[in-house]
Amino acid sequence: MSKTPKPKPHPAPRSRAAKRAHPSPTATIPLPRPDEKPTSEKLAALSARTAGSSVQKRKGGKAQLSRQKRRRKEAAIDKAGAVLEKLERRREVSARKGGVVKGRSTDWDNLNEIIEEEVEKAVEGGKEILVK
């Protein structure tokens, strides 16, 4: 006589397996469309949801910082100030360098204008121009 296998347990009614075993109904029931609301009602509904009109939590009082945390915060603020000063200095240096470069370019522009005027005068006068 051979052994008979144990009967397999049925899945729990709310388990994933049970939900997969019975397909959900696919036939959709046509429902009537809701009546279109006037624009004023739509705007009123939207304005009720905006951040300005919502109920807001009160902000609790600031907890007093411990001595160590206060010192750390002050040190961080000092470092941030130093970084800002450094960046400001860099901007000033960069602006100065940019001014020097612009000054050079204006010199070249002036020189080019002078040369073009001389070339035009020479061409009008019928002179030959030697270009090196």
N, C-alpha and C. Protein backbone atom coordinates (compact mmCIF):
# COMPACT_ATOMS: atom_id res chain seq x y z
N MET A 1 0.82 -1.16 0.00
CA MET A 1 0.00 0.00 0.00
C MET A 1 0.88 1.25 0.00
N SER A 2 0.59 2.16 -0.91
CA SER A 2 1.42 3.35 -1.01
C SER A 2 0.82 4.50 -0.21
N LYS A 3 1.69 5.45 0.05
CA LYS A 3 1.22 6.60 0.82
C LYS A 3 0.43 7.54 -0.09
N THR A 4 -0.58 8.14 0.46
CA THR A 4 -1.35 9.12 -0.31
C THR A 4 -0.83 10.52 0.03
N PRO A 5 -0.74 11.39 -0.96
CA PRO A 5 -0.22 12.73 -0.67
C PRO A 5 -1.21 13.54 0.15
N LYS A 6 -0.65 14.46 0.91
CA LYS A 6 -1.50 15.34 1.72
C LYS A 6 -2.29 16.26 0.78
N PRO A 7 -3.51 16.57 1.15
CA PRO A 7 -4.24 17.52 0.29
C PRO A 7 -3.60 18.92 0.40
N LYS A 8 -3.54 19.60 -0.76
CA LYS A 8 -2.92 20.93 -0.76
C LYS A 8 -3.86 21.91 -0.06
N PRO A 9 -3.29 22.77 0.77
CA PRO A 9 -4.16 23.73 1.48
C PRO A 9 -4.67 24.80 0.51
N HIS A 10 -5.89 25.25 0.73
CA HIS A 10 -6.46 26.32 -0.10
C HIS A 10 -5.83 27.64 0.34
N PRO A 11 -5.59 28.52 -0.60
CA PRO A 11 -4.98 29.80 -0.21
C PRO A 11 -5.95 30.63 0.65
N ALA A 12 -5.39 31.45 1.46
CA ALA A 12 -6.21 32.34 2.29
C ALA A 12 -7.04 33.23 1.37
N PRO A 13 -8.26 33.56 1.76
CA PRO A 13 -9.14 34.28 0.84
C PRO A 13 -8.62 35.66 0.40
N ARG A 14 -7.78 36.31 1.20
CA ARG A 14 -7.30 37.65 0.82
C ARG A 14 -5.83 37.63 0.38
N SER A 15 -5.29 36.46 0.10
CA SER A 15 -3.89 36.38 -0.32
C SER A 15 -3.76 36.74 -1.79
N ARG A 16 -2.52 36.98 -2.22
CA ARG A 16 -2.27 37.30 -3.62
C ARG A 16 -2.69 36.15 -4.52
N ALA A 17 -2.41 34.93 -4.07
CA ALA A 17 -2.74 33.76 -4.89
C ALA A 17 -4.25 33.67 -5.11
N ALA A 18 -5.02 33.92 -4.05
CA ALA A 18 -6.47 33.85 -4.18
C ALA A 18 -6.98 34.94 -5.12
N LYS A 19 -6.38 36.12 -5.04
CA LYS A 19 -6.81 37.21 -5.91
C LYS A 19 -6.44 36.92 -7.36
N ARG A 20 -5.33 36.25 -7.58
CA ARG A 20 -4.93 35.91 -8.94
C ARG A 20 -5.78 34.78 -9.50
N ALA A 21 -6.25 33.90 -8.64
CA ALA A 21 -7.00 32.74 -9.09
C ALA A 21 -8.33 33.17 -9.71
N HIS A 22 -8.96 34.18 -9.16
CA HIS A 22 -10.26 34.64 -9.66
C HIS A 22 -10.06 35.97 -10.39
N PRO A 23 -10.20 35.95 -11.72
CA PRO A 23 -10.01 37.20 -12.45
C PRO A 23 -11.12 38.21 -12.11
N SER A 24 -10.74 39.46 -12.11
CA SER A 24 -11.71 40.50 -11.81
C SER A 24 -12.64 40.68 -13.00
N PRO A 25 -13.85 41.12 -12.77
CA PRO A 25 -14.78 41.29 -13.90
C PRO A 25 -14.28 42.39 -14.83
N THR A 26 -14.26 42.06 -16.13
CA THR A 26 -13.72 43.00 -17.10
C THR A 26 -14.81 43.82 -17.76
N ALA A 27 -16.05 43.40 -17.65
CA ALA A 27 -17.14 44.15 -18.28
C ALA A 27 -17.37 45.44 -17.49
N THR A 28 -17.29 46.55 -18.18
CA THR A 28 -17.51 47.83 -17.51
C THR A 28 -18.95 48.27 -17.72
N ILE A 29 -19.50 48.85 -16.71
CA ILE A 29 -20.88 49.31 -16.77
C ILE A 29 -20.86 50.77 -17.21
N PRO A 30 -21.54 51.10 -18.29
CA PRO A 30 -21.54 52.51 -18.71
C PRO A 30 -22.32 53.37 -17.71
N LEU A 31 -21.69 54.44 -17.27
CA LEU A 31 -22.33 55.35 -16.33
C LEU A 31 -22.63 56.66 -17.03
N PRO A 32 -23.67 57.34 -16.62
CA PRO A 32 -23.96 58.64 -17.24
C PRO A 32 -22.90 59.66 -16.85
N ARG A 33 -22.57 60.54 -17.79
CA ARG A 33 -21.56 61.57 -17.51
C ARG A 33 -22.14 62.60 -16.56
N PRO A 34 -21.31 63.10 -15.65
CA PRO A 34 -21.82 64.13 -14.74
C PRO A 34 -22.08 65.44 -15.48
N ASP A 35 -22.98 66.22 -14.96
CA ASP A 35 -23.30 67.51 -15.57
C ASP A 35 -22.09 68.43 -15.47
N GLU A 36 -21.89 69.21 -16.51
CA GLU A 36 -20.76 70.15 -16.53
C GLU A 36 -21.04 71.29 -15.56
N LYS A 37 -20.07 71.57 -14.68
CA LYS A 37 -20.22 72.66 -13.72
C LYS A 37 -19.89 73.98 -14.39
N PRO A 38 -20.51 75.05 -13.96
CA PRO A 38 -20.14 76.37 -14.50
C PRO A 38 -18.71 76.73 -14.10
N THR A 39 -18.12 77.61 -14.87
CA THR A 39 -16.73 78.00 -14.64
C THR A 39 -16.52 78.60 -13.26
N SER A 40 -17.49 79.35 -12.79
CA SER A 40 -17.33 79.99 -11.47
C SER A 40 -17.20 78.94 -10.38
N GLU A 41 -17.96 77.84 -10.50
CA GLU A 41 -17.85 76.78 -9.49
C GLU A 41 -16.49 76.08 -9.59
N LYS A 42 -16.01 75.90 -10.82
CA LYS A 42 -14.69 75.28 -10.98
C LYS A 42 -13.61 76.14 -10.35
N LEU A 43 -13.67 77.44 -10.60
CA LEU A 43 -12.68 78.35 -10.03
C LEU A 43 -12.75 78.35 -8.52
N ALA A 44 -13.97 78.30 -7.98
CA ALA A 44 -14.12 78.28 -6.53
C ALA A 44 -13.50 77.01 -5.95
N ALA A 45 -13.69 75.89 -6.65
CA ALA A 45 -13.12 74.63 -6.17
C ALA A 45 -11.60 74.68 -6.22
N LEU A 46 -11.06 75.29 -7.28
CA LEU A 46 -9.60 75.38 -7.38
C LEU A 46 -9.03 76.31 -6.33
N SER A 47 -9.69 77.44 -6.10
CA SER A 47 -9.15 78.39 -5.12
C SER A 47 -9.19 77.82 -3.72
N ALA A 48 -10.12 76.90 -3.46
CA ALA A 48 -10.18 76.29 -2.14
C ALA A 48 -8.98 75.38 -1.92
N ARG A 49 -8.37 74.91 -3.03
CA ARG A 49 -7.24 73.98 -2.89
C ARG A 49 -5.89 74.66 -2.90
N THR A 50 -5.85 75.94 -3.12
CA THR A 50 -4.55 76.61 -3.18
C THR A 50 -3.90 76.66 -1.82
N ALA A 51 -2.59 76.84 -1.81
CA ALA A 51 -1.83 76.78 -0.56
C ALA A 51 -2.20 77.91 0.38
N GLY A 52 -2.58 79.07 -0.15
CA GLY A 52 -2.87 80.21 0.70
C GLY A 52 -4.11 80.02 1.55
N SER A 53 -5.05 79.24 1.05
CA SER A 53 -6.30 79.11 1.77
C SER A 53 -6.37 77.86 2.63
N SER A 54 -5.36 77.03 2.57
CA SER A 54 -5.41 75.78 3.32
C SER A 54 -5.05 76.01 4.79
N VAL A 55 -5.44 75.07 5.60
CA VAL A 55 -5.11 75.14 7.02
C VAL A 55 -3.64 74.77 7.16
N GLN A 56 -2.92 75.55 7.91
CA GLN A 56 -1.50 75.30 8.06
C GLN A 56 -1.17 74.97 9.50
N LYS A 57 -0.20 74.11 9.65
CA LYS A 57 0.25 73.76 11.00
C LYS A 57 0.98 74.93 11.61
N ARG A 58 0.83 75.08 12.88
CA ARG A 58 1.60 76.10 13.57
C ARG A 58 3.02 75.59 13.75
N LYS A 59 3.93 76.49 13.62
CA LYS A 59 5.31 76.09 13.79
C LYS A 59 5.66 76.19 15.26
N GLY A 60 6.23 75.11 15.75
CA GLY A 60 6.59 75.08 17.17
C GLY A 60 7.72 76.05 17.46
N GLY A 61 7.83 76.42 18.71
CA GLY A 61 8.90 77.34 19.11
C GLY A 61 10.25 76.69 18.89
N LYS A 62 11.22 77.50 18.58
CA LYS A 62 12.57 76.97 18.35
C LYS A 62 13.13 76.42 19.66
N ALA A 63 13.62 75.21 19.58
CA ALA A 63 14.25 74.62 20.75
C ALA A 63 15.58 75.32 20.99
N GLN A 64 15.91 75.54 22.22
CA GLN A 64 17.15 76.23 22.53
C GLN A 64 18.32 75.31 22.21
N LEU A 65 19.30 75.86 21.49
CA LEU A 65 20.45 75.06 21.10
C LEU A 65 21.37 74.84 22.29
N SER A 66 21.99 73.68 22.26
CA SER A 66 22.99 73.43 23.31
C SER A 66 24.22 74.29 23.00
N ARG A 67 25.09 74.40 23.96
CA ARG A 67 26.27 75.27 23.81
C ARG A 67 27.11 74.82 22.62
N GLN A 68 27.31 73.50 22.51
CA GLN A 68 28.14 72.96 21.43
C GLN A 68 27.49 73.22 20.07
N LYS A 69 26.17 72.99 19.98
CA LYS A 69 25.50 73.20 18.70
C LYS A 69 25.52 74.67 18.31
N ARG A 70 25.37 75.56 19.30
CA ARG A 70 25.41 76.99 19.03
C ARG A 70 26.78 77.39 18.49
N ARG A 71 27.84 76.85 19.10
CA ARG A 71 29.21 77.16 18.64
C ARG A 71 29.43 76.64 17.22
N ARG A 72 28.92 75.44 16.94
CA ARG A 72 29.06 74.89 15.60
C ARG A 72 28.33 75.77 14.58
N LYS A 73 27.13 76.21 14.95
CA LYS A 73 26.35 77.04 14.05
C LYS A 73 27.06 78.37 13.78
N GLU A 74 27.61 78.97 14.83
CA GLU A 74 28.34 80.23 14.65
C GLU A 74 29.56 80.03 13.76
N ALA A 75 30.26 78.90 13.96
CA ALA A 75 31.44 78.62 13.13
C ALA A 75 31.03 78.46 11.67
N ALA A 76 29.90 77.78 11.44
CA ALA A 76 29.43 77.58 10.07
C ALA A 76 29.07 78.91 9.43
N ILE A 77 28.44 79.80 10.21
CA ILE A 77 28.07 81.11 9.68
C ILE A 77 29.33 81.92 9.35
N ASP A 78 30.35 81.83 10.21
CA ASP A 78 31.60 82.53 9.94
C ASP A 78 32.26 82.03 8.66
N LYS A 79 32.26 80.69 8.49
CA LYS A 79 32.86 80.11 7.28
C LYS A 79 32.10 80.56 6.05
N ALA A 80 30.77 80.59 6.14
CA ALA A 80 29.96 81.02 5.00
C ALA A 80 30.28 82.47 4.65
N GLY A 81 30.45 83.31 5.67
CA GLY A 81 30.81 84.71 5.42
C GLY A 81 32.16 84.82 4.74
N ALA A 82 33.11 84.01 5.19
CA ALA A 82 34.45 84.03 4.58
C ALA A 82 34.38 83.61 3.11
N VAL A 83 33.57 82.59 2.83
CA VAL A 83 33.44 82.12 1.45
C VAL A 83 32.83 83.21 0.58
N LEU A 84 31.81 83.90 1.11
CA LEU A 84 31.18 84.98 0.34
C LEU A 84 32.17 86.10 0.05
N GLU A 85 32.99 86.45 1.04
CA GLU A 85 33.99 87.49 0.82
C GLU A 85 34.99 87.07 -0.25
N LYS A 86 35.39 85.79 -0.19
CA LYS A 86 36.34 85.27 -1.17
C LYS A 86 35.74 85.34 -2.58
N LEU A 87 34.47 84.94 -2.70
CA LEU A 87 33.82 84.99 -4.01
C LEU A 87 33.70 86.43 -4.51
N GLU A 88 33.40 87.34 -3.60
CA GLU A 88 33.29 88.75 -3.97
C GLU A 88 34.63 89.27 -4.50
N ARG A 89 35.71 88.90 -3.81
CA ARG A 89 37.05 89.31 -4.27
C ARG A 89 37.34 88.73 -5.65
N ARG A 90 36.97 87.47 -5.85
CA ARG A 90 37.21 86.84 -7.16
C ARG A 90 36.44 87.57 -8.26
N ARG A 91 35.20 87.96 -7.95
CA ARG A 91 34.41 88.68 -8.94
C ARG A 91 35.08 90.01 -9.30
N GLU A 92 35.58 90.70 -8.27
CA GLU A 92 36.24 91.99 -8.53
C GLU A 92 37.47 91.80 -9.41
N VAL A 93 38.28 90.78 -9.10
CA VAL A 93 39.49 90.51 -9.89
C VAL A 93 39.10 90.17 -11.33
N SER A 94 38.06 89.34 -11.47
CA SER A 94 37.61 88.95 -12.80
C SER A 94 37.13 90.17 -13.59
N ALA A 95 36.40 91.06 -12.91
CA ALA A 95 35.91 92.27 -13.59
C ALA A 95 37.09 93.13 -14.03
N ARG A 96 38.11 93.23 -13.17
CA ARG A 96 39.30 94.01 -13.53
C ARG A 96 39.97 93.41 -14.77
N LYS A 97 40.14 92.07 -14.76
CA LYS A 97 40.78 91.42 -15.90
C LYS A 97 39.96 91.61 -17.16
N GLY A 98 38.63 91.51 -17.01
CA GLY A 98 37.75 91.72 -18.17
C GLY A 98 37.90 93.12 -18.73
N GLY A 99 38.06 94.09 -17.84
CA GLY A 99 38.25 95.47 -18.29
C GLY A 99 39.53 95.62 -19.07
N VAL A 100 40.60 94.96 -18.62
CA VAL A 100 41.88 95.03 -19.33
C VAL A 100 41.73 94.43 -20.72
N VAL A 101 41.05 93.28 -20.81
CA VAL A 101 40.88 92.63 -22.10
C VAL A 101 40.05 93.51 -23.03
N LYS A 102 38.98 94.11 -22.50
CA LYS A 102 38.16 95.00 -23.32
C LYS A 102 38.97 96.21 -23.79
N GLY A 103 39.82 96.71 -22.90
CA GLY A 103 40.67 97.84 -23.27
C GLY A 103 41.58 97.49 -24.44
N ARG A 104 42.14 96.28 -24.40
CA ARG A 104 43.00 95.84 -25.50
C ARG A 104 42.21 95.76 -26.80
N SER A 105 41.00 95.19 -26.71
CA SER A 105 40.22 95.03 -27.94
C SER A 105 39.84 96.38 -28.52
N THR A 106 39.53 97.37 -27.65
CA THR A 106 39.21 98.70 -28.19
C THR A 106 40.43 99.31 -28.86
N ASP A 107 41.62 99.06 -28.32
CA ASP A 107 42.83 99.56 -28.96
C ASP A 107 42.96 98.99 -30.37
N TRP A 108 42.70 97.68 -30.50
CA TRP A 108 42.80 97.05 -31.81
C TRP A 108 41.72 97.60 -32.74
N ASP A 109 40.52 97.82 -32.22
CA ASP A 109 39.45 98.37 -33.06
C ASP A 109 39.85 99.74 -33.59
N ASN A 110 40.39 100.57 -32.71
CA ASN A 110 40.82 101.91 -33.14
C ASN A 110 41.93 101.81 -34.19
N LEU A 111 42.88 100.91 -33.95
CA LEU A 111 43.99 100.73 -34.88
C LEU A 111 43.48 100.26 -36.23
N ASN A 112 42.54 99.30 -36.22
CA ASN A 112 41.98 98.79 -37.48
C ASN A 112 41.27 99.89 -38.25
N GLU A 113 40.52 100.74 -37.52
CA GLU A 113 39.82 101.85 -38.19
C GLU A 113 40.83 102.81 -38.84
N ILE A 114 41.90 103.10 -38.12
CA ILE A 114 42.92 104.01 -38.66
C ILE A 114 43.55 103.42 -39.92
N ILE A 115 43.86 102.12 -39.86
CA ILE A 115 44.49 101.46 -41.01
C ILE A 115 43.53 101.45 -42.20
N GLU A 116 42.24 101.15 -41.94
CA GLU A 116 41.26 101.12 -43.03
C GLU A 116 41.14 102.49 -43.69
N GLU A 117 41.16 103.55 -42.86
CA GLU A 117 41.09 104.90 -43.42
C GLU A 117 42.30 105.19 -44.30
N GLU A 118 43.50 104.79 -43.85
CA GLU A 118 44.71 105.02 -44.63
C GLU A 118 44.67 104.25 -45.94
N VAL A 119 44.14 102.99 -45.87
CA VAL A 119 44.06 102.17 -47.09
C VAL A 119 43.10 102.82 -48.07
N GLU A 120 41.95 103.31 -47.58
CA GLU A 120 40.97 103.95 -48.47
C GLU A 120 41.57 105.20 -49.12
N LYS A 121 42.30 105.98 -48.32
CA LYS A 121 42.93 107.19 -48.86
C LYS A 121 43.95 106.82 -49.94
N ALA A 122 44.72 105.75 -49.66
CA ALA A 122 45.74 105.34 -50.62
C ALA A 122 45.11 104.83 -51.91
N VAL A 123 43.99 104.09 -51.77
CA VAL A 123 43.32 103.57 -52.96
C VAL A 123 42.75 104.71 -53.78
N GLU A 124 42.15 105.69 -53.09
CA GLU A 124 41.59 106.84 -53.80
C GLU A 124 42.70 107.65 -54.50
N GLY A 125 43.85 107.71 -53.85
CA GLY A 125 44.97 108.47 -54.43
C GLY A 125 45.70 107.70 -55.52
N GLY A 126 45.42 106.41 -55.69
CA GLY A 126 46.06 105.61 -56.72
C GLY A 126 47.41 105.08 -56.31
N LYS A 127 47.73 105.05 -55.04
CA LYS A 127 49.02 104.55 -54.58
C LYS A 127 48.95 103.03 -54.41
N GLU A 128 50.11 102.39 -54.54
CA GLU A 128 50.19 100.95 -54.30
C GLU A 128 50.41 100.70 -52.82
N ILE A 129 49.81 99.60 -52.34
CA ILE A 129 49.92 99.27 -50.92
C ILE A 129 50.70 97.97 -50.79
N LEU A 130 51.74 97.99 -49.99
CA LEU A 130 52.52 96.79 -49.74
C LEU A 130 52.04 96.13 -48.46
N VAL A 131 51.66 94.87 -48.57
CA VAL A 131 51.21 94.12 -47.39
C VAL A 131 52.26 93.07 -47.09
N LYS A 132 52.75 93.08 -45.88
CA LYS A 132 53.78 92.10 -45.52
C LYS A 132 53.16 90.85 -44.98
